[in-house]
Amino acid sequence: MARHDFDPAAVTPDGRRPAKARLFDGTLGGPNRGSVNGEALATQVTVLTYGTDEPGRGPKLHVHPYDEVFVIQEGRVRFFVGDEVIDAEAGETVLGPAGVPHKFVNLGPGRLQTVSIHLSSRWIQADLE
């Protein structure tokens, strides 16, 4: 399916060069595999990756001053976002709105692997647990 959502001639490049940064080292263990601040890529988006094989494990309750979008790449997960509980699985995305405390846990069985997109040039977080 071809997409034509905008006129390419109407967009002027801003002069930034393409950039790359390592998100994680696949040979290292642990759930918090890595992050890339948007500053490293000259953009307003920070990317993190999280993975665990242990059901019931996940980040503790925390909050950000910006939206966070979670992409579930593998497994099943339960999010606690404010007063809401959201179950998601591989192929789905979940929004954690700015200022709303959230956490998540691996529902199992097997591995949970996520990528989270922080709509900020750097990772800013207040832990609540």
C-alpha atoms as a PDB file:
ATOM      1  CA  MET A   1       0.000   0.000   0.000  1.00  0.00           C
ATOM      2  CA  ALA A   2       1.512   3.298  -1.073  1.00  0.00           C
ATOM      3  CA  ARG A   3       1.220   6.220   1.342  1.00  0.00           C
ATOM      4  CA  HIS A   4       1.147   9.904   0.450  1.00  0.00           C
ATOM      5  CA  ASP A   5       0.445  11.647   3.771  1.00  0.00           C
ATOM      6  CA  PHE A   6       2.231  14.884   2.891  1.00  0.00           C
ATOM      7  CA  ASP A   7       3.919  16.742   0.058  1.00  0.00           C
ATOM      8  CA  PRO A   8       7.689  16.012   0.265  1.00  0.00           C
ATOM      9  CA  ALA A   9       8.418  19.283  -1.541  1.00  0.00           C
ATOM     10  CA  ALA A  10       6.877  21.145   1.418  1.00  0.00           C
ATOM     11  CA  VAL A  11       9.531  19.900   3.884  1.00  0.00           C
ATOM     12  CA  THR A  12      12.890  21.615   4.063  1.00  0.00           C
ATOM     13  CA  PRO A  13      15.750  19.575   5.583  1.00  0.00           C
ATOM     14  CA  ASP A  14      17.093  21.263   8.735  1.00  0.00           C
ATOM     15  CA  GLY A  15      20.755  20.452   8.041  1.00  0.00           C
ATOM     16  CA  ARG A  16      21.206  17.675  10.603  1.00  0.00           C
ATOM     17  CA  ARG A  17      23.336  14.767   9.472  1.00  0.00           C
ATOM     18  CA  PRO A  18      22.271  11.159   9.952  1.00  0.00           C
ATOM     19  CA  ALA A  19      23.492   9.760  13.277  1.00  0.00           C
ATOM     20  CA  LYS A  20      23.760   6.472  15.098  1.00  0.00           C
ATOM     21  CA  ALA A  21      24.304   5.348  18.671  1.00  0.00           C
ATOM     22  CA  ARG A  22      24.410   1.928  20.339  1.00  0.00           C
ATOM     23  CA  LEU A  23      21.186   1.174  22.219  1.00  0.00           C
ATOM     24  CA  PHE A  24      22.453  -1.986  23.930  1.00  0.00           C
ATOM     25  CA  ASP A  25      25.178  -4.603  23.932  1.00  0.00           C
ATOM     26  CA  GLY A  26      23.502  -7.903  23.112  1.00  0.00           C
ATOM     27  CA  THR A  27      26.201  -9.832  24.953  1.00  0.00           C
ATOM     28  CA  LEU A  28      25.369  -8.263  28.323  1.00  0.00           C
ATOM     29  CA  GLY A  29      22.655  -9.520  30.657  1.00  0.00           C
ATOM     30  CA  GLY A  30      20.286  -7.677  32.957  1.00  0.00           C
ATOM     31  CA  PRO A  31      16.885  -6.148  32.350  1.00  0.00           C
ATOM     32  CA  ASN A  32      17.905  -2.550  31.623  1.00  0.00           C
ATOM     33  CA  ARG A  33      19.908  -3.245  28.513  1.00  0.00           C
ATOM     34  CA  GLY A  34      20.599   0.344  27.489  1.00  0.00           C
ATOM     35  CA  SER A  35      19.420   3.743  26.410  1.00  0.00           C
ATOM     36  CA  VAL A  36      20.194   6.437  23.872  1.00  0.00           C
ATOM     37  CA  ASN A  37      19.418  10.030  24.792  1.00  0.00           C
ATOM     38  CA  GLY A  38      17.961  12.053  21.966  1.00  0.00           C
ATOM     39  CA  GLU A  39      20.796  14.547  22.451  1.00  0.00           C
ATOM     40  CA  ALA A  40      23.171  11.930  20.991  1.00  0.00           C
ATOM     41  CA  LEU A  41      21.075  11.853  17.832  1.00  0.00           C
ATOM     42  CA  ALA A  42      20.188  15.574  17.781  1.00  0.00           C
ATOM     43  CA  THR A  43      16.494  14.811  18.303  1.00  0.00           C
ATOM     44  CA  GLN A  44      13.765  15.122  20.938  1.00  0.00           C
ATOM     45  CA  VAL A  45      13.297  11.353  21.404  1.00  0.00           C
ATOM     46  CA  THR A  46      15.137   9.096  23.870  1.00  0.00           C
ATOM     47  CA  VAL A  47      14.990   5.317  23.403  1.00  0.00           C
ATOM     48  CA  LEU A  48      15.390   2.635  26.091  1.00  0.00           C
ATOM     49  CA  THR A  49      15.240  -1.132  25.988  1.00  0.00           C
ATOM     50  CA  TYR A  50      14.154  -3.494  28.769  1.00  0.00           C
ATOM     51  CA  GLY A  51      14.002  -7.269  28.878  1.00  0.00           C
ATOM     52  CA  THR A  52      13.580 -10.005  31.458  1.00  0.00           C
ATOM     53  CA  ASP A  53      12.951 -13.730  31.443  1.00  0.00           C
ATOM     54  CA  GLU A  54      11.542 -13.665  34.986  1.00  0.00           C
ATOM     55  CA  PRO A  55       7.730 -13.499  35.327  1.00  0.00           C
ATOM     56  CA  GLY A  56       6.645 -10.865  37.847  1.00  0.00           C
ATOM     57  CA  ARG A  57       9.724  -8.722  37.265  1.00  0.00           C
ATOM     58  CA  GLY A  58       9.684  -5.181  35.925  1.00  0.00           C
ATOM     59  CA  PRO A  59      10.593  -1.574  36.709  1.00  0.00           C
ATOM     60  CA  LYS A  60       9.312  -0.048  39.950  1.00  0.00           C
ATOM     61  CA  LEU A  61       6.660   2.678  39.987  1.00  0.00           C
ATOM     62  CA  HIS A  62       8.006   5.888  38.486  1.00  0.00           C
ATOM     63  CA  VAL A  63       6.905   8.996  36.574  1.00  0.00           C
ATOM     64  CA  HIS A  64       8.231  11.228  33.773  1.00  0.00           C
ATOM     65  CA  PRO A  65       7.414  14.863  32.869  1.00  0.00           C
ATOM     66  CA  TYR A  66       6.746  13.749  29.260  1.00  0.00           C
ATOM     67  CA  ASP A  67       4.867  10.955  27.438  1.00  0.00           C
ATOM     68  CA  GLU A  68       6.409   7.493  27.188  1.00  0.00           C
ATOM     69  CA  VAL A  69       5.378   5.005  24.506  1.00  0.00           C
ATOM     70  CA  PHE A  70       6.108   1.324  25.088  1.00  0.00           C
ATOM     71  CA  VAL A  71       6.551  -1.122  22.195  1.00  0.00           C
ATOM     72  CA  ILE A  72       6.181  -4.752  23.256  1.00  0.00           C
ATOM     73  CA  GLN A  73       8.498  -6.770  21.035  1.00  0.00           C
ATOM     74  CA  GLU A  74       8.243 -10.134  22.760  1.00  0.00           C
ATOM     75  CA  GLY A  75       6.119 -11.695  25.500  1.00  0.00           C
ATOM     76  CA  ARG A  76       3.197 -10.567  27.645  1.00  0.00           C
ATOM     77  CA  VAL A  77       3.148  -7.644  30.067  1.00  0.00           C
ATOM     78  CA  ARG A  78       0.862  -5.992  32.623  1.00  0.00           C
ATOM     79  CA  PHE A  79       1.083  -2.195  32.899  1.00  0.00           C
ATOM     80  CA  PHE A  80      -0.113  -0.185  35.873  1.00  0.00           C
ATOM     81  CA  VAL A  81      -0.671   3.361  34.576  1.00  0.00           C
ATOM     82  CA  GLY A  82      -2.296   5.643  37.128  1.00  0.00           C
ATOM     83  CA  ASP A  83      -5.461   3.808  38.228  1.00  0.00           C
ATOM     84  CA  GLU A  84      -5.626   1.646  35.090  1.00  0.00           C
ATOM     85  CA  VAL A  85      -4.312  -1.864  34.451  1.00  0.00           C
ATOM     86  CA  ILE A  86      -3.470  -2.702  30.829  1.00  0.00           C
ATOM     87  CA  ASP A  87      -2.395  -6.133  29.594  1.00  0.00           C
ATOM     88  CA  ALA A  88      -0.438  -6.136  26.332  1.00  0.00           C
ATOM     89  CA  GLU A  89       1.534  -8.569  24.211  1.00  0.00           C
ATOM     90  CA  ALA A  90       4.085  -8.628  21.417  1.00  0.00           C
ATOM     91  CA  GLY A  91       3.102  -6.316  18.596  1.00  0.00           C
ATOM     92  CA  GLU A  92       1.164  -3.861  20.780  1.00  0.00           C
ATOM     93  CA  THR A  93       2.000  -0.397  22.106  1.00  0.00           C
ATOM     94  CA  VAL A  94       0.999   1.320  25.353  1.00  0.00           C
ATOM     95  CA  LEU A  95       1.052   5.010  26.285  1.00  0.00           C
ATOM     96  CA  GLY A  96       2.218   6.277  29.666  1.00  0.00           C
ATOM     97  CA  PRO A  97       1.032   9.914  29.668  1.00  0.00           C
ATOM     98  CA  ALA A  98       3.213  12.676  31.096  1.00  0.00           C
ATOM     99  CA  GLY A  99       2.879  13.032  34.861  1.00  0.00           C
ATOM    100  CA  VAL A 100       1.044   9.704  35.357  1.00  0.00           C
ATOM    101  CA  PRO A 101       2.904   7.171  37.545  1.00  0.00           C
ATOM    102  CA  HIS A 102       3.450   3.801  35.873  1.00  0.00           C
ATOM    103  CA  LYS A 103       5.219   0.445  36.107  1.00  0.00           C
ATOM    104  CA  PHE A 104       4.970  -2.932  34.402  1.00  0.00           C
ATOM    105  CA  VAL A 105       5.691  -6.605  35.019  1.00  0.00           C
ATOM    106  CA  ASN A 106       6.414  -9.615  32.839  1.00  0.00           C
ATOM    107  CA  LEU A 107       3.329 -11.873  32.779  1.00  0.00           C
ATOM    108  CA  GLY A 108       5.286 -14.810  31.358  1.00  0.00           C
ATOM    109  CA  PRO A 109       5.721 -17.453  30.381  1.00  0.00           C
ATOM    110  CA  GLY A 110       9.049 -16.634  28.814  1.00  0.00           C
ATOM    111  CA  ARG A 111      10.845 -13.452  27.907  1.00  0.00           C
ATOM    112  CA  LEU A 112       9.464  -9.937  27.933  1.00  0.00           C
ATOM    113  CA  GLN A 113      11.313  -7.523  25.652  1.00  0.00           C
ATOM    114  CA  THR A 114      10.269  -3.895  25.261  1.00  0.00           C
ATOM    115  CA  VAL A 115      11.485  -0.698  23.683  1.00  0.00           C
ATOM    116  CA  SER A 116      10.292   2.517  25.270  1.00  0.00           C
ATOM    117  CA  ILE A 117      10.246   5.837  23.495  1.00  0.00           C
ATOM    118  CA  HIS A 118      10.581   8.865  25.760  1.00  0.00           C
ATOM    119  CA  LEU A 119       9.370  12.053  24.122  1.00  0.00           C
ATOM    120  CA  SER A 120      12.296  14.034  25.483  1.00  0.00           C
ATOM    121  CA  SER A 121      15.878  14.695  24.434  1.00  0.00           C
ATOM    122  CA  ARG A 122      17.013  12.976  27.648  1.00  0.00           C
ATOM    123  CA  TRP A 123      15.775  10.411  30.162  1.00  0.00           C
ATOM    124  CA  ILE A 124      14.198  12.182  33.148  1.00  0.00           C
ATOM    125  CA  GLN A 125      12.554  10.067  35.864  1.00  0.00           C
ATOM    126  CA  ALA A 126      11.338  10.230  39.476  1.00  0.00           C
ATOM    127  CA  ASP A 127      11.160   6.837  41.219  1.00  0.00           C
ATOM    128  CA  LEU A 128       8.140   6.475  43.519  1.00  0.00           C
ATOM    129  CA  GLU A 129       8.863   3.024  45.045  1.00  0.00           C
END
